C-alpha atoms as a PDB file:
ATOM      1  CA  MET A   1      -1.826   5.891  10.320  1.00  0.00           C
ATOM      2  CA  LYS A   2      -1.127   6.274   6.597  1.00  0.00           C
ATOM      3  CA  PHE A   3       1.090   3.942   4.596  1.00  0.00           C
ATOM      4  CA  LEU A   4       2.688   3.879   1.174  1.00  0.00           C
ATOM      5  CA  THR A   5       1.832   0.338   0.118  1.00  0.00           C
ATOM      6  CA  PHE A   6       3.669  -1.506  -2.647  1.00  0.00           C
ATOM      7  CA  VAL A   7       2.033  -4.639  -4.040  1.00  0.00           C
ATOM      8  CA  VAL A   8       4.325  -6.723  -6.246  1.00  0.00           C
ATOM      9  CA  PHE A   9       3.018  -9.678  -8.240  1.00  0.00           C
ATOM     10  CA  ASP A  10       3.717 -11.804 -11.288  1.00  0.00           C
ATOM     11  CA  SER A  11       1.788 -10.638 -14.345  1.00  0.00           C
ATOM     12  CA  THR A  12       0.150 -14.086 -14.625  1.00  0.00           C
ATOM     13  CA  LYS A  13      -1.582 -13.331 -11.287  1.00  0.00           C
ATOM     14  CA  ALA A  14      -3.036  -9.978 -12.442  1.00  0.00           C
ATOM     15  CA  ALA A  15      -6.653 -11.204 -12.589  1.00  0.00           C
ATOM     16  CA  ASP A  16      -6.456 -12.756  -9.092  1.00  0.00           C
ATOM     17  CA  ILE A  17      -4.810  -9.650  -7.621  1.00  0.00           C
ATOM     18  CA  ALA A  18      -7.340  -7.321  -9.279  1.00  0.00           C
ATOM     19  CA  ALA A  19     -10.220  -9.388  -7.853  1.00  0.00           C
ATOM     20  CA  ALA A  20      -8.659  -9.342  -4.365  1.00  0.00           C
ATOM     21  CA  MET A  21      -8.082  -5.562  -4.544  1.00  0.00           C
ATOM     22  CA  ASP A  22     -11.691  -5.033  -5.606  1.00  0.00           C
ATOM     23  CA  ARG A  23     -12.947  -7.174  -2.683  1.00  0.00           C
ATOM     24  CA  ILE A  24     -10.864  -5.146  -0.224  1.00  0.00           C
ATOM     25  CA  GLN A  25     -12.118  -1.837  -1.609  1.00  0.00           C
ATOM     26  CA  VAL A  26     -15.795  -2.837  -1.819  1.00  0.00           C
ATOM     27  CA  SER A  27     -15.835  -4.428   1.625  1.00  0.00           C
ATOM     28  CA  PRO A  28     -12.706  -3.268   3.493  1.00  0.00           C
ATOM     29  CA  PRO A  29     -11.655  -4.759   6.811  1.00  0.00           C
ATOM     30  CA  LYS A  30     -12.813  -2.643   9.748  1.00  0.00           C
ATOM     31  CA  GLY A  31     -10.287   0.155  10.287  1.00  0.00           C
ATOM     32  CA  TYR A  32      -8.725  -0.048   6.803  1.00  0.00           C
ATOM     33  CA  LYS A  33      -9.088   2.329   3.834  1.00  0.00           C
ATOM     34  CA  VAL A  34      -7.498   2.608   0.397  1.00  0.00           C
ATOM     35  CA  LEU A  35      -7.182   6.368  -0.220  1.00  0.00           C
ATOM     36  CA  SER A  36      -5.663   6.178  -3.714  1.00  0.00           C
ATOM     37  CA  GLN A  37      -4.260   3.497  -5.973  1.00  0.00           C
ATOM     38  CA  PHE A  38      -1.845   3.409  -8.918  1.00  0.00           C
ATOM     39  CA  VAL A  39      -0.072   0.913 -11.179  1.00  0.00           C
ATOM     40  CA  CYS A  40       3.551   1.741 -11.967  1.00  0.00           C
ATOM     41  CA  VAL A  41       4.324   2.143 -15.676  1.00  0.00           C
ATOM     42  CA  SER A  42       7.873   0.987 -14.922  1.00  0.00           C
ATOM     43  CA  PRO A  43       9.154  -0.715 -11.752  1.00  0.00           C
ATOM     44  CA  PRO A  44      10.288   1.753  -9.041  1.00  0.00           C
ATOM     45  CA  PHE A  45      12.830  -0.774  -7.725  1.00  0.00           C
ATOM     46  CA  PRO A  46      14.252  -4.115  -8.914  1.00  0.00           C
ATOM     47  CA  VAL A  47      11.578  -6.807  -9.191  1.00  0.00           C
ATOM     48  CA  PRO A  48      11.528 -10.248 -10.806  1.00  0.00           C
ATOM     49  CA  PRO A  49      10.949 -10.297 -14.586  1.00  0.00           C
ATOM     50  CA  ASN A  50       7.311  -9.974 -15.685  1.00  0.00           C
ATOM     51  CA  SER A  51       6.263  -8.436 -12.363  1.00  0.00           C
ATOM     52  CA  ILE A  52       3.737  -5.663 -11.895  1.00  0.00           C
ATOM     53  CA  VAL A  53       4.019  -3.099  -9.109  1.00  0.00           C
ATOM     54  CA  GLY A  54       0.951  -1.410  -7.671  1.00  0.00           C
ATOM     55  CA  VAL A  55       1.227   1.527  -5.286  1.00  0.00           C
ATOM     56  CA  SER A  56      -1.478   2.657  -2.889  1.00  0.00           C
ATOM     57  CA  ILE A  57      -1.877   5.189  -0.149  1.00  0.00           C
ATOM     58  CA  THR A  58      -3.675   3.279   2.586  1.00  0.00           C
ATOM     59  CA  GLU A  59      -4.811   3.991   6.101  1.00  0.00           C
ATOM     60  CA  GLY A  60      -4.908   1.477   8.904  1.00  0.00           C
ATOM     61  CA  GLU A  61      -6.210   2.069  12.419  1.00  0.00           C
ATOM     62  CA  ASN A  62      -4.585  -1.026  13.894  1.00  0.00           C
ATOM     63  CA  ALA A  63      -2.480  -4.101  13.149  1.00  0.00           C
ATOM     64  CA  GLU A  64      -5.524  -6.342  12.722  1.00  0.00           C
ATOM     65  CA  ALA A  65      -6.868  -4.177   9.888  1.00  0.00           C
ATOM     66  CA  LEU A  66      -3.507  -4.233   8.083  1.00  0.00           C
ATOM     67  CA  VAL A  67      -3.065  -7.985   8.550  1.00  0.00           C
ATOM     68  CA  SER A  68      -6.560  -8.674   7.257  1.00  0.00           C
ATOM     69  CA  ALA A  69      -5.941  -6.653   4.086  1.00  0.00           C
ATOM     70  CA  ASN A  70      -2.456  -8.172   3.663  1.00  0.00           C
ATOM     71  CA  TYR A  71      -3.731 -11.716   4.060  1.00  0.00           C
ATOM     72  CA  THR A  72      -6.300 -11.306   1.290  1.00  0.00           C
ATOM     73  CA  MET A  73      -3.582 -10.060  -1.073  1.00  0.00           C
ATOM     74  CA  LEU A  74      -1.047 -12.698   0.011  1.00  0.00           C
ATOM     75  CA  LEU A  75      -3.523 -15.484  -0.745  1.00  0.00           C
ATOM     76  CA  ALA A  76      -3.945 -14.035  -4.249  1.00  0.00           C
ATOM     77  CA  GLY A  77      -0.160 -14.183  -4.806  1.00  0.00           C
ATOM     78  CA  ALA A  78       1.104 -10.691  -3.947  1.00  0.00           C
ATOM     79  CA  THR A  79       4.146  -9.566  -2.013  1.00  0.00           C
ATOM     80  CA  ILE A  80       3.330  -6.503   0.093  1.00  0.00           C
ATOM     81  CA  HIS A  81       5.605  -3.778   1.435  1.00  0.00           C
ATOM     82  CA  ARG A  82       4.168  -1.071   3.698  1.00  0.00           C
ATOM     83  CA  VAL A  83       6.050   2.131   4.477  1.00  0.00           C
ATOM     84  CA  PRO A  84       4.644   4.286   7.310  1.00  0.00           C
ATOM     85  CA  LEU A  85       4.037   7.891   6.242  1.00  0.00           C
ATOM     86  CA  MET A  86       4.166  11.121   8.182  1.00  0.00           C
ATOM     87  CA  GLU A  87       2.229  13.898   6.514  1.00  0.00           C
ATOM     88  CA  VAL A  88       4.093  17.214   6.246  1.00  0.00           C
ATOM     89  CA  ALA A  89       2.213  20.233   4.924  1.00  0.00           C
ATOM     90  CA  ALA A  90       3.781  22.137   2.054  1.00  0.00           C
ATOM     91  CA  GLY A  91       6.064  24.827   3.443  1.00  0.00           C
ATOM     92  CA  ALA A  92       6.161  23.273   6.916  1.00  0.00           C
ATOM     93  CA  ALA A  93       9.185  20.953   6.634  1.00  0.00           C
ATOM     94  CA  ALA A  94      11.492  23.166   8.735  1.00  0.00           C
ATOM     95  CA  LYS A  95       8.875  23.511  11.474  1.00  0.00           C
ATOM     96  CA  VAL A  96       8.338  19.740  11.592  1.00  0.00           C
ATOM     97  CA  GLU A  97      12.102  19.135  11.660  1.00  0.00           C
ATOM     98  CA  LYS A  98      12.456  21.435  14.695  1.00  0.00           C
ATOM     99  CA  GLU A  99       9.638  19.613  16.489  1.00  0.00           C
ATOM    100  CA  LEU A 100      11.248  16.241  15.778  1.00  0.00           C
ATOM    101  CA  LYS A 101      14.622  17.381  17.193  1.00  0.00           C
ATOM    102  CA  ARG A 102      13.176  17.992  20.651  1.00  0.00           C
END
């Protein structure tokens, strides 16, 4: 399953968070993938002053994979929010909506 993952952290923790993110990407937990990663130029929602927000599209096969990746980031000082995603092909929104109504 794919997730929109927000990682929020104090700017003083940037080096620790970057190192943790690199460890996860170089040697990811089994069943976990980072598909793309971004740093927000401005916060997408209210965050404490001097915070940085990173956004990733991630994929997790099971809860253990997600928890393992989360734990590494939590130990480095991050707050993590994961939003489950449902992929909808361009031009197929009405078809998907009909299928969901059943």
